[in-house]
Each structure stands twice: as C-alpha cells, then as structure tokens.
Amino acid sequence: MPRPPNLIARDARILAAYSAGATIPQIAATEQLDPALVRTTLRRHGLSCPRGRHPLDPTTAARLADPAWLAAEYATKSAPEIAAELGCTASQVFGALKRAGIARRRREEYARLVRGWRTWPADVQERAVELYCAGWAAPAVAQELGVNLNAVYELLRDRELVRSGSEAQLLANARRIAEDQERRVLRTIEQLRACAGDYSSIHQELERKRLAWWEANRERLQLFGSLVRQAYTQFLLEYLGLDPAEVPVVYEDDRRIVWRSANFCPMLEGCRRLGLDTRVVCRAATERSVETLIRRLDGRLRFGRNYEAGMRPYAAYCEEEIWLAE
C-alpha cells in the first residue's frame, strides 16, 4: 500500500534537513516529532545515524566547554532543553556537565525547578493550554511562549491534559494536513482571481497535469471491473488518492456509475471565500479535464455532475457520474 502524500512530504523534509547538516534533535523540534521517529525515517532511506553521535558545530562545542555558561543554563533548564536550544543531544549535554564537574540534580530538586508555571500570569497559562489543546506539541508551546519546557509539562499534568505519543502524533499529522489544505485553497483563490471569469487557463493547467500523470503511471495501474468502474478507480482513487468512503457509489451497472463526493476540495473552499457559484466555476474549470483523463481508457467514456440538485455548497455532496456513451 503506498504511503500517504503527507508522510512522503514529511520524509522529504527530514532527508533534506539532515543532508543540509541539521541534527536529529533539531529536525525533531522543527517537525514536532519524537527523535526516535526521525532516526527511523533516516534509516528507512538507508542513512546511518547512530544514537548520540551528532557532530557539534564550533559554537555549540564552545558553549558546552564553558563551565560558567553551562552552570548558569543548567540552573534554570533541563539537559534536554539545553540540547534542544543548542541543536545537540541530551547525552552530549550530560557529558559536558560531567566534564565540567557540575552535579546532576536529584529528582526532588528537579521537581522544585519545574513548578515555575505557577508564577506565570494567568493569560500565559491559559494560552499554553489553548495551544496544546489545538494540537501543538509541548516543545512548540514552550518555544512560542518563551517558557520552560518542563514547566509546560507540569502545567499540562496539573490540568490532566498530557497526551500519549500516538495521540500527539495524530494531532501533529492533522495539523500539517490542515496547513497543506490551506495552502492549496490560497493557490486556488489566486488562480480564480487571475481568471476574471474566464476559467480556460485553469482547465488547461488541470488537463496538462492529468495527462502527464497518466503517461507517468499508466503502466503500473491495475484496474478491474467494468469500464465505468475502472474510470472511477483511475480518477478518484488513483489520481486524486481519495478514500472510497469519501466518494461512496450510490448506483452502478456496466454502463454507468454514480457517486457522491464529500472529500476536501480546494475549488469548493476557494469559491466559498470569493462568493463564486461552483455550478458555474466547476463546469467551466474542471469538468472537461476529468473527461479527457478517463477517455484515455476508452473514448466512449463521459463524465458529468448533477448541477441542479447535487452540488456543494448547495447540497451536502457533489453528485458525479461516469457513463459509457453509445
């Protein structure tokens, strides 16, 4: 089963950052991931990254070699926090503490240190909780508000809000998907504004993209069933990468298939924000390019929509169909 596009994009960002010299802790902080997941991603792509073996840049090495600076930082921060700020590992910070003769804190001393959230203004406390509940990771909350990471964790524990690793990852993924969708909507809005009512340029761009995809993927496609079922699979499941649950079939025979689309659509959201009629825009901008693509399977295939009674946002779904012409 192919990996989802958002995970493929995340892997690409991780590889690019690592190749550019970023350390695993730096990448983990940027992507809001567990360092172990970053390490696993690198290994999946054939890159060796032994735990703890991260080269130090001259500035970081100089700071870790400065006992006075290290003691001052460790007085108010944890080793993992210092590591995150320097872009190295906690193990390297602990090693520097040992070399400097700085004793590691006992558990009760550490507990006293992190209770600093009680001294925060009430609005800062509530903002930290608000960001975390919105899907931000605790390190991102601490960085955004300029506060102690461990104090953030203590605040969240006090409010009984600490998520498991899997829950945090799901929220982080959802946030990235939402950000990607917003970028697509903004690009669509730019295109719609540039058209000034003539949507032929959008049609031409979509047609080029869809035909290029067909030429690049036609040999690997495995399509089964009637011609109309094959066209449904080709366009919706393979090209758009949709889940069948987002485009449930409501009627099908050997010559016609009808479904109701409820998937995210940047064109729909762009039209909503600009006050445009999707029944006009989608007919002119997107319909013909779909038919151009499916006719690569068979020239008799046709595509259409129910513009009268099945078109978002005027209905809860977009009713679309593919049929085989005589």
C-alpha atoms as a PDB file:
ATOM      1  CA  MET A   1       0.000   0.000   0.000  1.00  0.00           C
ATOM      2  CA  PRO A   2       1.527   3.390  -0.988  1.00  0.00           C
ATOM      3  CA  ARG A   3       2.383   5.829   1.808  1.00  0.00           C
ATOM      4  CA  PRO A   4       0.069   8.853   2.209  1.00  0.00           C
ATOM      5  CA  PRO A   5       1.304  12.031   0.430  1.00  0.00           C
ATOM      6  CA  ASN A   6       1.702  13.955   3.703  1.00  0.00           C
ATOM      7  CA  LEU A   7       4.081  11.290   5.088  1.00  0.00           C
ATOM      8  CA  ILE A   8       6.072  11.232   1.837  1.00  0.00           C
ATOM      9  CA  ALA A   9       6.418  15.029   2.048  1.00  0.00           C
ATOM     10  CA  ARG A  10       7.476  14.797   5.689  1.00  0.00           C
ATOM     11  CA  ASP A  11      10.167  12.219   4.827  1.00  0.00           C
ATOM     12  CA  ALA A  12      11.461  14.525   2.088  1.00  0.00           C
ATOM     13  CA  ARG A  13      11.735  17.420   4.534  1.00  0.00           C
ATOM     14  CA  ILE A  14      13.584  15.248   7.056  1.00  0.00           C
ATOM     15  CA  LEU A  15      16.059  13.985   4.453  1.00  0.00           C
ATOM     16  CA  ALA A  16      16.675  17.480   3.100  1.00  0.00           C
ATOM     17  CA  ALA A  17      17.269  18.898   6.582  1.00  0.00           C
ATOM     18  CA  TYR A  18      19.603  16.056   7.558  1.00  0.00           C
ATOM     19  CA  SER A  19      21.559  16.405   4.307  1.00  0.00           C
ATOM     20  CA  ALA A  20      21.894  20.136   4.986  1.00  0.00           C
ATOM     21  CA  GLY A  21      23.568  19.398   8.327  1.00  0.00           C
ATOM     22  CA  ALA A  22      20.676  19.600  10.799  1.00  0.00           C
ATOM     23  CA  THR A  23      20.893  17.262  13.777  1.00  0.00           C
ATOM     24  CA  ILE A  24      18.209  14.775  14.736  1.00  0.00           C
ATOM     25  CA  PRO A  25      17.084  16.889  17.743  1.00  0.00           C
ATOM     26  CA  GLN A  26      16.825  19.967  15.519  1.00  0.00           C
ATOM     27  CA  ILE A  27      14.753  18.092  12.936  1.00  0.00           C
ATOM     28  CA  ALA A  28      12.573  16.578  15.664  1.00  0.00           C
ATOM     29  CA  ALA A  29      11.895  20.031  17.129  1.00  0.00           C
ATOM     30  CA  THR A  30      11.058  21.511  13.719  1.00  0.00           C
ATOM     31  CA  GLU A  31       8.757  18.662  12.700  1.00  0.00           C
ATOM     32  CA  GLN A  32       7.322  18.219  16.229  1.00  0.00           C
ATOM     33  CA  LEU A  33       8.284  14.535  16.206  1.00  0.00           C
ATOM     34  CA  ASP A  34       9.935  12.136  18.600  1.00  0.00           C
ATOM     35  CA  PRO A  35      13.689  11.941  17.740  1.00  0.00           C
ATOM     36  CA  ALA A  36      13.309   8.155  17.501  1.00  0.00           C
ATOM     37  CA  LEU A  37      10.841   8.601  14.614  1.00  0.00           C
ATOM     38  CA  VAL A  38      13.281  10.921  12.815  1.00  0.00           C
ATOM     39  CA  ARG A  39      16.025   8.322  13.297  1.00  0.00           C
ATOM     40  CA  THR A  40      13.744   5.561  11.951  1.00  0.00           C
ATOM     41  CA  THR A  41      12.903   7.677   8.884  1.00  0.00           C
ATOM     42  CA  LEU A  42      16.584   8.232   8.107  1.00  0.00           C
ATOM     43  CA  ARG A  43      17.351   4.536   8.466  1.00  0.00           C
ATOM     44  CA  ARG A  44      14.417   3.651   6.220  1.00  0.00           C
ATOM     45  CA  HIS A  45      16.125   5.678   3.498  1.00  0.00           C
ATOM     46  CA  GLY A  46      19.486   3.998   4.056  1.00  0.00           C
ATOM     47  CA  LEU A  47      21.155   6.669   6.198  1.00  0.00           C
ATOM     48  CA  SER A  48      23.192   5.575   9.200  1.00  0.00           C
ATOM     49  CA  CYS A  49      22.555   7.686  12.300  1.00  0.00           C
ATOM     50  CA  PRO A  50      23.906   6.065  15.472  1.00  0.00           C
ATOM     51  CA  ARG A  51      22.230   7.278  18.652  1.00  0.00           C
ATOM     52  CA  GLY A  52      24.063  10.183  20.225  1.00  0.00           C
ATOM     53  CA  ARG A  53      26.669  10.597  17.505  1.00  0.00           C
ATOM     54  CA  HIS A  54      25.897  14.034  16.194  1.00  0.00           C
ATOM     55  CA  PRO A  55      28.733  16.359  15.196  1.00  0.00           C
ATOM     56  CA  LEU A  56      28.855  19.616  17.140  1.00  0.00           C
ATOM     57  CA  ASP A  57      29.282  22.899  15.351  1.00  0.00           C
ATOM     58  CA  PRO A  58      32.048  25.155  16.754  1.00  0.00           C
ATOM     59  CA  THR A  59      29.623  27.474  18.581  1.00  0.00           C
ATOM     60  CA  THR A  60      27.828  24.621  20.333  1.00  0.00           C
ATOM     61  CA  ALA A  61      31.100  22.921  21.227  1.00  0.00           C
ATOM     62  CA  ALA A  62      32.434  26.171  22.712  1.00  0.00           C
ATOM     63  CA  ARG A  63      29.354  26.676  24.851  1.00  0.00           C
ATOM     64  CA  LEU A  64      29.385  23.128  26.183  1.00  0.00           C
ATOM     65  CA  ALA A  65      33.072  23.587  27.036  1.00  0.00           C
ATOM     66  CA  ASP A  66      32.314  26.738  29.072  1.00  0.00           C
ATOM     67  CA  PRO A  67      31.611  25.640  32.697  1.00  0.00           C
ATOM     68  CA  ALA A  68      30.253  29.039  33.752  1.00  0.00           C
ATOM     69  CA  TRP A  69      27.786  29.259  30.863  1.00  0.00           C
ATOM     70  CA  LEU A  70      26.727  25.639  31.341  1.00  0.00           C
ATOM     71  CA  ALA A  71      26.173  26.072  35.089  1.00  0.00           C
ATOM     72  CA  ALA A  72      24.030  29.181  34.520  1.00  0.00           C
ATOM     73  CA  GLU A  73      21.895  27.411  31.907  1.00  0.00           C
ATOM     74  CA  TYR A  74      21.505  24.234  33.963  1.00  0.00           C
ATOM     75  CA  ALA A  75      20.370  26.264  36.960  1.00  0.00           C
ATOM     76  CA  THR A  76      17.056  27.038  35.236  1.00  0.00           C
ATOM     77  CA  LYS A  77      16.775  24.444  32.448  1.00  0.00           C
ATOM     78  CA  SER A  78      16.923  20.712  31.973  1.00  0.00           C
ATOM     79  CA  ALA A  79      19.598  18.981  29.893  1.00  0.00           C
ATOM     80  CA  PRO A  80      17.050  18.125  27.133  1.00  0.00           C
ATOM     81  CA  GLU A  81      16.008  21.804  26.972  1.00  0.00           C
ATOM     82  CA  ILE A  82      19.616  22.945  26.674  1.00  0.00           C
ATOM     83  CA  ALA A  83      20.156  20.299  23.983  1.00  0.00           C
ATOM     84  CA  ALA A  84      17.089  21.461  22.020  1.00  0.00           C
ATOM     85  CA  GLU A  85      18.314  25.071  22.086  1.00  0.00           C
ATOM     86  CA  LEU A  86      21.841  24.131  21.003  1.00  0.00           C
ATOM     87  CA  GLY A  87      20.785  21.552  18.415  1.00  0.00           C
ATOM     88  CA  CYS A  88      22.644  18.649  20.030  1.00  0.00           C
ATOM     89  CA  THR A  89      21.600  15.630  22.084  1.00  0.00           C
ATOM     90  CA  ALA A  90      20.803  15.447  25.789  1.00  0.00           C
ATOM     91  CA  SER A  91      23.590  12.871  26.130  1.00  0.00           C
ATOM     92  CA  GLN A  92      26.105  15.425  24.874  1.00  0.00           C
ATOM     93  CA  VAL A  93      24.861  17.953  27.436  1.00  0.00           C
ATOM     94  CA  PHE A  94      25.088  15.391  30.246  1.00  0.00           C
ATOM     95  CA  GLY A  95      28.624  14.571  29.116  1.00  0.00           C
ATOM     96  CA  ALA A  96      29.560  18.260  29.213  1.00  0.00           C
ATOM     97  CA  LEU A  97      28.092  18.579  32.727  1.00  0.00           C
ATOM     98  CA  LYS A  98      30.192  15.647  33.890  1.00  0.00           C
ATOM     99  CA  ARG A  99      33.374  17.076  32.348  1.00  0.00           C
ATOM    100  CA  ALA A 100      32.665  20.459  33.990  1.00  0.00           C
ATOM    101  CA  GLY A 101      32.164  18.822  37.377  1.00  0.00           C
ATOM    102  CA  ILE A 102      28.552  20.030  37.606  1.00  0.00           C
ATOM    103  CA  ALA A 103      26.447  17.613  39.651  1.00  0.00           C
ATOM    104  CA  ARG A 104      23.214  16.406  38.111  1.00  0.00           C
ATOM    105  CA  ARG A 105      20.106  17.387  40.063  1.00  0.00           C
ATOM    106  CA  ARG A 106      18.285  14.962  42.291  1.00  0.00           C
ATOM    107  CA  ARG A 107      14.673  14.191  41.432  1.00  0.00           C
ATOM    108  CA  GLU A 108      13.229  16.397  44.187  1.00  0.00           C
ATOM    109  CA  GLU A 109      15.423  19.332  43.152  1.00  0.00           C
ATOM    110  CA  TYR A 110      14.281  18.927  39.570  1.00  0.00           C
ATOM    111  CA  ALA A 111      10.640  18.854  40.691  1.00  0.00           C
ATOM    112  CA  ARG A 112      11.057  22.157  42.533  1.00  0.00           C
ATOM    113  CA  LEU A 113      12.627  23.721  39.450  1.00  0.00           C
ATOM    114  CA  VAL A 114       9.837  22.855  37.046  1.00  0.00           C
ATOM    115  CA  ARG A 115       6.969  24.191  39.119  1.00  0.00           C
ATOM    116  CA  GLY A 116       7.652  27.616  37.686  1.00  0.00           C
ATOM    117  CA  TRP A 117       4.376  27.630  35.758  1.00  0.00           C
ATOM    118  CA  ARG A 118       2.591  28.708  38.940  1.00  0.00           C
ATOM    119  CA  THR A 119       4.395  32.043  38.691  1.00  0.00           C
ATOM    120  CA  TRP A 120       3.218  32.669  35.118  1.00  0.00           C
ATOM    121  CA  PRO A 121       0.490  35.254  34.507  1.00  0.00           C
ATOM    122  CA  ALA A 122      -2.935  33.664  34.147  1.00  0.00           C
ATOM    123  CA  ASP A 123      -3.153  34.585  30.440  1.00  0.00           C
ATOM    124  CA  VAL A 124       0.135  32.791  29.709  1.00  0.00           C
ATOM    125  CA  GLN A 125      -1.093  29.664  31.485  1.00  0.00           C
ATOM    126  CA  GLU A 126      -4.340  29.687  29.532  1.00  0.00           C
ATOM    127  CA  ARG A 127      -2.552  30.358  26.247  1.00  0.00           C
ATOM    128  CA  ALA A 128      -0.285  27.348  26.847  1.00  0.00           C
ATOM    129  CA  VAL A 129      -3.318  25.147  27.476  1.00  0.00           C
ATOM    130  CA  GLU A 130      -5.110  26.590  24.431  1.00  0.00           C
ATOM    131  CA  LEU A 131      -2.177  25.887  22.095  1.00  0.00           C
ATOM    132  CA  TYR A 132      -1.731  22.347  23.410  1.00  0.00           C
ATOM    133  CA  CYS A 133      -5.422  21.573  23.012  1.00  0.00           C
ATOM    134  CA  ALA A 134      -5.213  22.924  19.448  1.00  0.00           C
ATOM    135  CA  GLY A 135      -2.661  20.227  18.614  1.00  0.00           C
ATOM    136  CA  TRP A 136       0.656  21.935  19.359  1.00  0.00           C
ATOM    137  CA  ALA A 137       3.383  19.776  20.862  1.00  0.00           C
ATOM    138  CA  ALA A 138       4.647  20.803  24.311  1.00  0.00           C
ATOM    139  CA  PRO A 139       8.120  21.853  22.971  1.00  0.00           C
ATOM    140  CA  ALA A 140       6.415  24.078  20.383  1.00  0.00           C
ATOM    141  CA  VAL A 141       4.244  25.634  23.116  1.00  0.00           C
ATOM    142  CA  ALA A 142       7.330  26.359  25.237  1.00  0.00           C
ATOM    143  CA  GLN A 143       9.151  27.913  22.278  1.00  0.00           C
ATOM    144  CA  GLU A 144       6.147  30.018  21.246  1.00  0.00           C
ATOM    145  CA  LEU A 145       5.633  31.433  24.744  1.00  0.00           C
ATOM    146  CA  GLY A 146       9.317  31.602  25.719  1.00  0.00           C
ATOM    147  CA  VAL A 147       8.819  29.487  28.846  1.00  0.00           C
ATOM    148  CA  ASN A 148      10.412  26.437  30.452  1.00  0.00           C
ATOM    149  CA  LEU A 149       9.512  23.188  28.665  1.00  0.00           C
ATOM    150  CA  ASN A 150       9.360  21.139  31.850  1.00  0.00           C
ATOM    151  CA  ALA A 151       7.087  23.749  33.397  1.00  0.00           C
ATOM    152  CA  VAL A 152       4.780  23.323  30.405  1.00  0.00           C
ATOM    153  CA  TYR A 153       4.654  19.576  31.058  1.00  0.00           C
ATOM    154  CA  GLU A 154       3.951  20.187  34.747  1.00  0.00           C
ATOM    155  CA  LEU A 155       1.131  22.587  33.881  1.00  0.00           C
ATOM    156  CA  LEU A 156      -0.379  20.036  31.496  1.00  0.00           C
ATOM    157  CA  ARG A 157      -0.128  17.265  34.071  1.00  0.00           C
ATOM    158  CA  ASP A 158      -1.801  19.511  36.619  1.00  0.00           C
ATOM    159  CA  ARG A 159      -4.658  20.062  34.150  1.00  0.00           C
ATOM    160  CA  GLU A 160      -4.668  16.317  33.270  1.00  0.00           C
ATOM    161  CA  LEU A 161      -4.030  17.124  29.621  1.00  0.00           C
ATOM    162  CA  VAL A 162      -0.843  15.192  28.778  1.00  0.00           C
ATOM    163  CA  ARG A 163      -1.303  13.170  25.580  1.00  0.00           C
ATOM    164  CA  SER A 164       0.216   9.843  24.725  1.00  0.00           C
ATOM    165  CA  GLY A 165       2.835   9.751  21.973  1.00  0.00           C
ATOM    166  CA  SER A 166       0.361   8.285  19.481  1.00  0.00           C
ATOM    167  CA  GLU A 167      -2.246  10.964  20.241  1.00  0.00           C
ATOM    168  CA  ALA A 168       0.349  13.702  19.859  1.00  0.00           C
ATOM    169  CA  GLN A 169       1.461  12.283  16.515  1.00  0.00           C
ATOM    170  CA  LEU A 170      -2.102  12.082  15.236  1.00  0.00           C
ATOM    171  CA  LEU A 171      -2.732  15.709  16.175  1.00  0.00           C
ATOM    172  CA  ALA A 172       0.548  16.832  14.617  1.00  0.00           C
ATOM    173  CA  ASN A 173      -0.343  14.990  11.386  1.00  0.00           C
ATOM    174  CA  ALA A 174      -3.817  16.534  11.365  1.00  0.00           C
ATOM    175  CA  ARG A 175      -2.315  19.990  11.823  1.00  0.00           C
ATOM    176  CA  ARG A 176       0.079  19.503   8.898  1.00  0.00           C
ATOM    177  CA  ILE A 177      -2.736  18.223   6.692  1.00  0.00           C
ATOM    178  CA  ALA A 178      -4.802  21.315   7.570  1.00  0.00           C
ATOM    179  CA  GLU A 179      -1.847  23.578   6.739  1.00  0.00           C
ATOM    180  CA  ASP A 180      -1.365  21.808   3.393  1.00  0.00           C
ATOM    181  CA  GLN A 181      -5.072  22.156   2.586  1.00  0.00           C
ATOM    182  CA  GLU A 182      -4.970  25.875   3.395  1.00  0.00           C
ATOM    183  CA  ARG A 183      -2.005  26.347   1.024  1.00  0.00           C
ATOM    184  CA  ARG A 184      -3.967  24.619  -1.734  1.00  0.00           C
ATOM    185  CA  VAL A 185      -7.017  26.811  -1.084  1.00  0.00           C
ATOM    186  CA  LEU A 186      -4.940  30.005  -1.214  1.00  0.00           C
ATOM    187  CA  ARG A 187      -3.344  28.937  -4.511  1.00  0.00           C
ATOM    188  CA  THR A 188      -6.799  28.183  -5.949  1.00  0.00           C
ATOM    189  CA  ILE A 189      -8.038  31.615  -4.855  1.00  0.00           C
ATOM    190  CA  GLU A 190      -5.086  33.224  -6.665  1.00  0.00           C
ATOM    191  CA  GLN A 191      -5.970  31.292  -9.830  1.00  0.00           C
ATOM    192  CA  LEU A 192      -9.658  32.228  -9.621  1.00  0.00           C
ATOM    193  CA  ARG A 193      -8.849  35.907  -9.138  1.00  0.00           C
ATOM    194  CA  ALA A 194      -6.434  35.863 -12.068  1.00  0.00           C
ATOM    195  CA  CYS A 195      -9.088  34.314 -14.338  1.00  0.00           C
ATOM    196  CA  ALA A 196     -11.505  37.242 -14.011  1.00  0.00           C
ATOM    197  CA  GLY A 197     -14.365  34.963 -15.086  1.00  0.00           C
ATOM    198  CA  ASP A 198     -12.515  33.137 -17.894  1.00  0.00           C
ATOM    199  CA  TYR A 199     -11.644  29.730 -16.435  1.00  0.00           C
ATOM    200  CA  SER A 200      -9.946  28.275 -19.526  1.00  0.00           C
ATOM    201  CA  SER A 201      -6.472  28.712 -18.003  1.00  0.00           C
ATOM    202  CA  ILE A 202      -7.428  26.534 -15.007  1.00  0.00           C
ATOM    203  CA  HIS A 203      -8.873  23.917 -17.348  1.00  0.00           C
ATOM    204  CA  GLN A 204      -5.703  23.878 -19.438  1.00  0.00           C
ATOM    205  CA  GLU A 205      -3.446  23.531 -16.406  1.00  0.00           C
ATOM    206  CA  LEU A 206      -5.538  20.683 -14.962  1.00  0.00           C
ATOM    207  CA  GLU A 207      -5.621  18.914 -18.312  1.00  0.00           C
ATOM    208  CA  ARG A 208      -1.815  19.116 -18.650  1.00  0.00           C
ATOM    209  CA  LYS A 209      -1.285  17.792 -15.118  1.00  0.00           C
ATOM    210  CA  ARG A 210      -3.753  14.938 -15.517  1.00  0.00           C
ATOM    211  CA  LEU A 211      -2.404  13.804 -18.865  1.00  0.00           C
ATOM    212  CA  ALA A 212       1.175  13.974 -17.565  1.00  0.00           C
ATOM    213  CA  TRP A 213       0.136  11.823 -14.600  1.00  0.00           C
ATOM    214  CA  TRP A 214      -1.473   9.311 -16.969  1.00  0.00           C
ATOM    215  CA  GLU A 215       1.655   8.981 -19.082  1.00  0.00           C
ATOM    216  CA  ALA A 216       3.815   8.513 -15.976  1.00  0.00           C
ATOM    217  CA  ASN A 217       1.528   5.960 -14.300  1.00  0.00           C
ATOM    218  CA  ARG A 218      -0.401   4.097 -16.976  1.00  0.00           C
ATOM    219  CA  GLU A 219       1.894   1.038 -16.917  1.00  0.00           C
ATOM    220  CA  ARG A 220       1.568   0.466 -13.160  1.00  0.00           C
ATOM    221  CA  LEU A 221      -2.212   0.882 -12.892  1.00  0.00           C
ATOM    222  CA  GLN A 222      -4.164  -2.266 -12.152  1.00  0.00           C
ATOM    223  CA  LEU A 223      -7.798  -1.566 -12.984  1.00  0.00           C
ATOM    224  CA  PHE A 224     -10.576  -4.126 -12.708  1.00  0.00           C
ATOM    225  CA  GLY A 225     -14.296  -4.371 -13.381  1.00  0.00           C
ATOM    226  CA  SER A 226     -16.415  -2.633 -15.980  1.00  0.00           C
ATOM    227  CA  LEU A 227     -15.061   0.333 -17.927  1.00  0.00           C
ATOM    228  CA  VAL A 228     -17.009   2.770 -15.761  1.00  0.00           C
ATOM    229  CA  ARG A 229     -15.661   1.141 -12.571  1.00  0.00           C
ATOM    230  CA  GLN A 230     -12.120   1.317 -13.983  1.00  0.00           C
ATOM    231  CA  ALA A 231     -12.571   5.027 -14.751  1.00  0.00           C
ATOM    232  CA  TYR A 232     -13.895   5.639 -11.205  1.00  0.00           C
ATOM    233  CA  THR A 233     -10.819   3.925  -9.763  1.00  0.00           C
ATOM    234  CA  GLN A 234      -8.427   5.659 -12.159  1.00  0.00           C
ATOM    235  CA  PHE A 235      -9.575   9.211 -11.414  1.00  0.00           C
ATOM    236  CA  LEU A 236     -10.806   9.175  -7.812  1.00  0.00           C
ATOM    237  CA  LEU A 237      -8.736   6.511  -6.080  1.00  0.00           C
ATOM    238  CA  GLU A 238      -5.510   6.557  -8.086  1.00  0.00           C
ATOM    239  CA  TYR A 239      -5.164  10.130  -9.384  1.00  0.00           C
ATOM    240  CA  LEU A 240      -6.834  12.023  -6.518  1.00  0.00           C
ATOM    241  CA  GLY A 241      -5.800   9.446  -3.894  1.00  0.00           C
ATOM    242  CA  LEU A 242      -9.201   9.527  -2.168  1.00  0.00           C
ATOM    243  CA  ASP A 243     -10.618   7.026   0.266  1.00  0.00           C
ATOM    244  CA  PRO A 244     -13.658   5.189  -1.196  1.00  0.00           C
ATOM    245  CA  ALA A 245     -15.586   6.317   1.904  1.00  0.00           C
ATOM    246  CA  GLU A 246     -15.185   9.932   0.709  1.00  0.00           C
ATOM    247  CA  VAL A 247     -16.738   9.121  -2.680  1.00  0.00           C
ATOM    248  CA  PRO A 248     -19.376   6.435  -1.975  1.00  0.00           C
ATOM    249  CA  VAL A 249     -21.023   4.846  -5.003  1.00  0.00           C
ATOM    250  CA  VAL A 250     -24.832   5.153  -4.948  1.00  0.00           C
ATOM    251  CA  TYR A 251     -25.587   3.463  -8.272  1.00  0.00           C
ATOM    252  CA  GLU A 252     -23.634   1.198 -10.612  1.00  0.00           C
ATOM    253  CA  ASP A 253     -24.208  -1.028 -13.613  1.00  0.00           C
ATOM    254  CA  ASP A 254     -21.980  -1.997 -16.550  1.00  0.00           C
ATOM    255  CA  ARG A 255     -22.530   1.316 -18.347  1.00  0.00           C
ATOM    256  CA  ARG A 256     -22.987   3.905 -15.577  1.00  0.00           C
ATOM    257  CA  ILE A 257     -21.612   4.661 -12.122  1.00  0.00           C
ATOM    258  CA  VAL A 258     -22.818   7.444  -9.800  1.00  0.00           C
ATOM    259  CA  TRP A 259     -21.155   8.601  -6.575  1.00  0.00           C
ATOM    260  CA  ARG A 260     -21.461  11.434  -4.046  1.00  0.00           C
ATOM    261  CA  SER A 261     -18.237  13.284  -3.254  1.00  0.00           C
ATOM    262  CA  ALA A 262     -17.717  14.647   0.252  1.00  0.00           C
ATOM    263  CA  ASN A 263     -13.909  14.978   0.152  1.00  0.00           C
ATOM    264  CA  PHE A 264     -11.910  18.147   0.808  1.00  0.00           C
ATOM    265  CA  CYS A 265     -11.958  20.325  -2.313  1.00  0.00           C
ATOM    266  CA  PRO A 266      -9.832  23.490  -2.665  1.00  0.00           C
ATOM    267  CA  MET A 267     -12.019  24.695  -5.532  1.00  0.00           C
ATOM    268  CA  LEU A 268     -15.128  24.474  -3.343  1.00  0.00           C
ATOM    269  CA  GLU A 269     -13.480  26.386  -0.483  1.00  0.00           C
ATOM    270  CA  GLY A 270     -11.980  28.952  -2.850  1.00  0.00           C
ATOM    271  CA  CYS A 271     -15.399  29.634  -4.403  1.00  0.00           C
ATOM    272  CA  ARG A 272     -16.957  29.934  -0.941  1.00  0.00           C
ATOM    273  CA  ARG A 273     -14.467  32.577   0.134  1.00  0.00           C
ATOM    274  CA  LEU A 274     -14.783  34.555  -3.085  1.00  0.00           C
ATOM    275  CA  GLY A 275     -18.567  34.256  -3.301  1.00  0.00           C
ATOM    276  CA  LEU A 276     -18.446  32.402  -6.640  1.00  0.00           C
ATOM    277  CA  ASP A 277     -21.021  29.893  -7.879  1.00  0.00           C
ATOM    278  CA  THR A 278     -19.486  26.400  -8.043  1.00  0.00           C
ATOM    279  CA  ARG A 279     -22.119  25.367 -10.601  1.00  0.00           C
ATOM    280  CA  VAL A 280     -20.546  27.867 -12.988  1.00  0.00           C
ATOM    281  CA  VAL A 281     -16.890  27.610 -11.995  1.00  0.00           C
ATOM    282  CA  CYS A 282     -16.594  23.811 -11.763  1.00  0.00           C
ATOM    283  CA  ARG A 283     -18.399  23.237 -15.054  1.00  0.00           C
ATOM    284  CA  ALA A 284     -16.028  25.614 -16.866  1.00  0.00           C
ATOM    285  CA  ALA A 285     -12.785  24.958 -14.999  1.00  0.00           C
ATOM    286  CA  THR A 286     -12.649  21.271 -14.034  1.00  0.00           C
ATOM    287  CA  GLU A 287     -15.191  19.080 -15.805  1.00  0.00           C
ATOM    288  CA  ARG A 288     -13.604  18.649 -19.253  1.00  0.00           C
ATOM    289  CA  SER A 289     -10.174  17.742 -17.867  1.00  0.00           C
ATOM    290  CA  VAL A 290     -11.707  14.822 -15.948  1.00  0.00           C
ATOM    291  CA  GLU A 291     -13.318  13.536 -19.116  1.00  0.00           C
ATOM    292  CA  THR A 292     -10.059  13.969 -21.035  1.00  0.00           C
ATOM    293  CA  LEU A 293      -8.319  11.740 -18.480  1.00  0.00           C
ATOM    294  CA  ILE A 294     -10.895   8.933 -18.331  1.00  0.00           C
ATOM    295  CA  ARG A 295     -11.178   8.827 -22.125  1.00  0.00           C
ATOM    296  CA  ARG A 296      -7.601   7.575 -22.182  1.00  0.00           C
ATOM    297  CA  LEU A 297      -9.144   4.297 -21.036  1.00  0.00           C
ATOM    298  CA  ASP A 298     -11.873   4.309 -23.686  1.00  0.00           C
ATOM    299  CA  GLY A 299     -13.042   7.094 -25.983  1.00  0.00           C
ATOM    300  CA  ARG A 300     -16.705   6.360 -25.196  1.00  0.00           C
ATOM    301  CA  LEU A 301     -16.393   7.309 -21.506  1.00  0.00           C
ATOM    302  CA  ARG A 302     -18.070  10.519 -20.342  1.00  0.00           C
ATOM    303  CA  PHE A 303     -18.066  12.486 -17.073  1.00  0.00           C
ATOM    304  CA  GLY A 304     -20.667  14.840 -15.615  1.00  0.00           C
ATOM    305  CA  ARG A 305     -22.167  16.324 -12.458  1.00  0.00           C
ATOM    306  CA  ASN A 306     -25.671  16.904 -11.137  1.00  0.00           C
ATOM    307  CA  TYR A 307     -25.544  20.704 -11.216  1.00  0.00           C
ATOM    308  CA  GLU A 308     -29.249  21.029 -10.477  1.00  0.00           C
ATOM    309  CA  ALA A 309     -29.591  19.103  -7.197  1.00  0.00           C
ATOM    310  CA  GLY A 310     -26.216  17.673  -6.209  1.00  0.00           C
ATOM    311  CA  MET A 311     -23.556  20.362  -5.990  1.00  0.00           C
ATOM    312  CA  ARG A 312     -21.781  21.706  -2.903  1.00  0.00           C
ATOM    313  CA  PRO A 313     -22.273  24.075  -1.115  1.00  0.00           C
ATOM    314  CA  TYR A 314     -25.933  23.989  -2.228  1.00  0.00           C
ATOM    315  CA  ALA A 315     -26.121  20.290  -1.281  1.00  0.00           C
ATOM    316  CA  ALA A 316     -24.238  18.157   1.246  1.00  0.00           C
ATOM    317  CA  TYR A 317     -22.267  16.444  -1.528  1.00  0.00           C
ATOM    318  CA  CYS A 318     -21.342  16.698  -5.192  1.00  0.00           C
ATOM    319  CA  GLU A 319     -23.154  14.048  -7.188  1.00  0.00           C
ATOM    320  CA  GLU A 320     -20.994  12.965 -10.116  1.00  0.00           C
ATOM    321  CA  GLU A 321     -21.157  10.187 -12.668  1.00  0.00           C
ATOM    322  CA  ILE A 322     -19.285   8.403 -15.423  1.00  0.00           C
ATOM    323  CA  TRP A 323     -21.143   6.683 -18.227  1.00  0.00           C
ATOM    324  CA  LEU A 324     -20.424   4.858 -21.436  1.00  0.00           C
ATOM    325  CA  ALA A 325     -21.758   6.654 -24.496  1.00  0.00           C
ATOM    326  CA  GLU A 326     -23.269   4.727 -27.383  1.00  0.00           C
END
